[in-house]
Amino acid sequence: MAEETQQATQNLAIQKIYTKDISFESPNSPFGFQDDWQPEINVDLNTDGQGLENDNYEVVLKITITKKNKDKTAFLAEVHQAGIFHLTGFDEEQRGFILGSFCPGTLFPYAREVISSLVTDGGYPPVLLQPVNFEALYQQRLAEANADGEEKPATH
């Protein structure tokens, strides 16, 4: 009975999704467009966030794409896709999981679209980011923190 009451008072709502920061650089243009296109790509993914007032939390998914061609940077695209999420009735572990897994997963499709548009507008072939298992990444971070004797990842 108590478990049913706890579940009835749990609430997760998306308040807002927005692009917080955006950057595109093409340091080797226009010369890079003349080279044979055999790119190497590096994708860097991070999350950050903070607690706000009234059980609201900001989560920021940071994606940086660096594409090199013949050891020269063709372009660098960076997006900080953010959202405000309202969470009530969750314990610390549940809240950490939601903020570290569910929220970045919710933001990812938006960030992927922004990256693709940035790169295409920059004159390069589109970058289609593959799906990311944020639950597995969160669990990996937990395991690494436990192995290092650190505290659990912050729940923002």
Protein backbone atom coordinates (compact mmCIF):
# COMPACT_ATOMS: atom_id res chain seq x y z
CA MET A 1 0.00 0.00 0.00
CA ALA A 2 2.81 2.44 0.89
CA GLU A 3 4.54 1.57 -2.40
CA GLU A 4 1.38 2.45 -4.34
CA THR A 5 1.22 5.83 -2.54
CA GLN A 6 4.87 6.57 -3.38
CA GLN A 7 4.34 5.72 -7.06
CA ALA A 8 1.20 7.86 -7.17
CA THR A 9 3.18 10.92 -6.00
CA GLN A 10 6.07 10.49 -8.44
CA ASN A 11 6.02 12.97 -11.30
CA LEU A 12 8.38 13.57 -14.22
CA ALA A 13 7.59 16.34 -16.67
CA ILE A 14 9.57 18.03 -19.42
CA GLN A 15 9.29 21.78 -18.90
CA LYS A 16 11.48 23.06 -21.73
CA ILE A 17 13.97 21.83 -24.35
CA TYR A 18 16.37 24.35 -25.87
CA THR A 19 19.77 24.83 -27.48
CA LYS A 20 22.01 26.45 -24.87
CA ASP A 21 25.20 26.81 -26.90
CA ILE A 22 26.19 26.13 -30.47
CA SER A 23 29.46 26.40 -32.37
CA PHE A 24 30.80 25.48 -35.79
CA GLU A 25 34.36 25.95 -37.03
CA SER A 26 35.88 25.10 -40.38
CA PRO A 27 39.51 26.10 -39.84
CA ASN A 28 40.90 24.61 -43.04
CA SER A 29 38.37 26.03 -45.48
CA PRO A 30 38.32 26.67 -48.34
CA PHE A 31 41.39 24.50 -48.89
CA GLY A 32 39.87 21.49 -47.11
CA PHE A 33 37.11 21.28 -49.72
CA GLN A 34 39.72 20.61 -52.41
CA ASP A 35 41.26 17.53 -50.73
CA ASP A 36 40.10 13.97 -51.32
CA TRP A 37 37.49 13.27 -48.66
CA GLN A 38 38.68 10.47 -46.35
CA PRO A 39 37.60 11.79 -42.96
CA GLU A 40 38.22 10.53 -39.46
CA ILE A 41 35.54 11.43 -36.95
CA ASN A 42 35.71 11.86 -33.18
CA VAL A 43 32.55 12.20 -31.09
CA ASP A 44 32.76 13.48 -27.53
CA LEU A 45 29.63 13.22 -25.37
CA ASN A 46 29.16 14.66 -21.88
CA THR A 47 26.31 15.63 -19.60
CA ASP A 48 26.08 18.34 -17.01
CA GLY A 49 23.34 19.95 -15.05
CA GLN A 50 22.12 21.74 -12.02
CA GLY A 51 19.24 21.80 -9.62
CA LEU A 52 16.85 24.69 -9.99
CA GLU A 53 13.98 25.86 -7.81
CA ASN A 54 10.73 23.96 -7.19
CA ASP A 55 12.00 20.45 -8.01
CA ASN A 56 13.21 21.52 -11.47
CA TYR A 57 16.53 20.40 -12.89
CA GLU A 58 18.48 21.58 -15.91
CA VAL A 59 20.29 18.83 -17.82
CA VAL A 60 22.75 19.73 -20.58
CA LEU A 61 23.90 17.21 -23.17
CA LYS A 62 27.19 18.36 -24.73
CA ILE A 63 28.21 16.85 -28.05
CA THR A 64 31.40 17.78 -29.87
CA ILE A 65 32.14 16.38 -33.32
CA THR A 66 35.64 16.77 -34.72
CA LYS A 67 36.20 15.62 -38.27
CA LYS A 68 39.73 15.45 -39.63
CA ASN A 69 40.82 14.86 -43.18
CA LYS A 70 44.47 14.00 -43.79
CA ASP A 71 45.40 15.06 -40.23
CA LYS A 72 43.86 18.52 -40.70
CA THR A 73 40.69 19.54 -38.90
CA ALA A 74 37.98 19.84 -41.51
CA PHE A 75 35.38 21.00 -39.01
CA LEU A 76 34.44 21.08 -35.37
CA ALA A 77 30.76 21.22 -34.40
CA GLU A 78 29.60 21.58 -30.82
CA VAL A 79 26.10 21.66 -29.39
CA HIS A 80 24.92 22.02 -25.82
CA GLN A 81 21.32 20.81 -25.92
CA ALA A 82 19.51 21.48 -22.67
CA GLY A 83 16.24 20.76 -20.98
CA ILE A 84 14.42 21.64 -17.80
CA PHE A 85 12.82 18.64 -16.14
CA HIS A 86 10.44 18.65 -13.18
CA LEU A 87 10.90 15.67 -10.84
CA THR A 88 8.97 15.03 -7.66
CA GLY A 89 8.60 12.00 -5.43
CA PHE A 90 11.77 10.16 -6.49
CA ASP A 91 14.46 9.04 -4.09
CA GLU A 92 18.08 10.08 -4.71
CA GLU A 93 18.99 6.92 -6.64
CA GLN A 94 15.94 7.15 -8.90
CA ARG A 95 16.52 10.88 -9.48
CA GLY A 96 20.17 10.21 -10.37
CA PHE A 97 19.14 7.58 -12.89
CA ILE A 98 16.52 9.84 -14.48
CA LEU A 99 18.86 12.84 -14.70
CA GLY A 100 21.82 10.74 -15.89
CA SER A 101 20.02 8.46 -18.34
CA PHE A 102 16.45 9.38 -19.27
CA CYS A 103 17.00 13.14 -19.61
CA PRO A 104 20.10 12.94 -21.88
CA GLY A 105 18.27 10.33 -23.95
CA THR A 106 15.38 12.73 -24.36
CA LEU A 107 17.71 15.54 -25.46
CA PHE A 108 19.79 13.43 -27.87
CA PRO A 109 17.46 13.51 -30.93
CA TYR A 110 17.32 17.30 -30.74
CA ALA A 111 21.10 17.58 -30.50
CA ARG A 112 21.54 15.12 -33.38
CA GLU A 113 19.31 17.27 -35.60
CA VAL A 114 21.18 20.47 -34.70
CA ILE A 115 24.56 18.81 -35.42
CA SER A 116 23.35 17.51 -38.78
CA SER A 117 22.05 20.94 -39.80
CA LEU A 118 25.22 22.72 -38.64
CA VAL A 119 27.50 20.41 -40.60
CA THR A 120 25.36 20.52 -43.75
CA ASP A 121 25.07 24.31 -43.58
CA GLY A 122 28.87 24.38 -43.19
CA GLY A 123 29.23 22.75 -46.62
CA TYR A 124 30.04 19.20 -45.50
CA PRO A 125 28.19 15.90 -45.90
CA PRO A 126 25.69 15.39 -43.06
CA VAL A 127 26.78 13.66 -39.87
CA LEU A 128 24.26 11.09 -38.74
CA LEU A 129 25.00 10.24 -35.13
CA GLN A 130 24.16 6.69 -34.16
CA PRO A 131 21.80 6.07 -31.22
CA VAL A 132 23.40 6.17 -27.77
CA ASN A 133 22.50 3.91 -24.85
CA PHE A 134 22.50 6.48 -22.05
CA GLU A 135 21.38 3.89 -19.51
CA ALA A 136 24.51 1.82 -20.19
CA LEU A 137 26.70 4.93 -20.00
CA TYR A 138 25.14 5.90 -16.67
CA GLN A 139 25.64 2.39 -15.28
CA GLN A 140 29.26 2.44 -16.49
CA ARG A 141 29.86 5.78 -14.71
CA LEU A 142 28.35 4.31 -11.52
CA ALA A 143 30.57 1.24 -11.74
CA GLU A 144 33.70 3.36 -12.36
CA ALA A 145 32.84 5.64 -9.43
CA ASN A 146 32.33 2.62 -7.15
CA ALA A 147 35.59 1.02 -8.30
CA ASP A 148 37.49 4.25 -7.62
CA GLY A 149 35.82 4.66 -4.22
CA GLU A 150 34.21 7.88 -5.38
CA GLU A 151 30.74 9.08 -4.60
CA LYS A 152 27.93 8.32 -7.03
CA PRO A 153 27.64 10.65 -10.03
CA ALA A 154 25.96 13.87 -9.02
CA THR A 155 22.21 14.04 -9.25
CA HIS A 156 22.46 17.65 -10.28
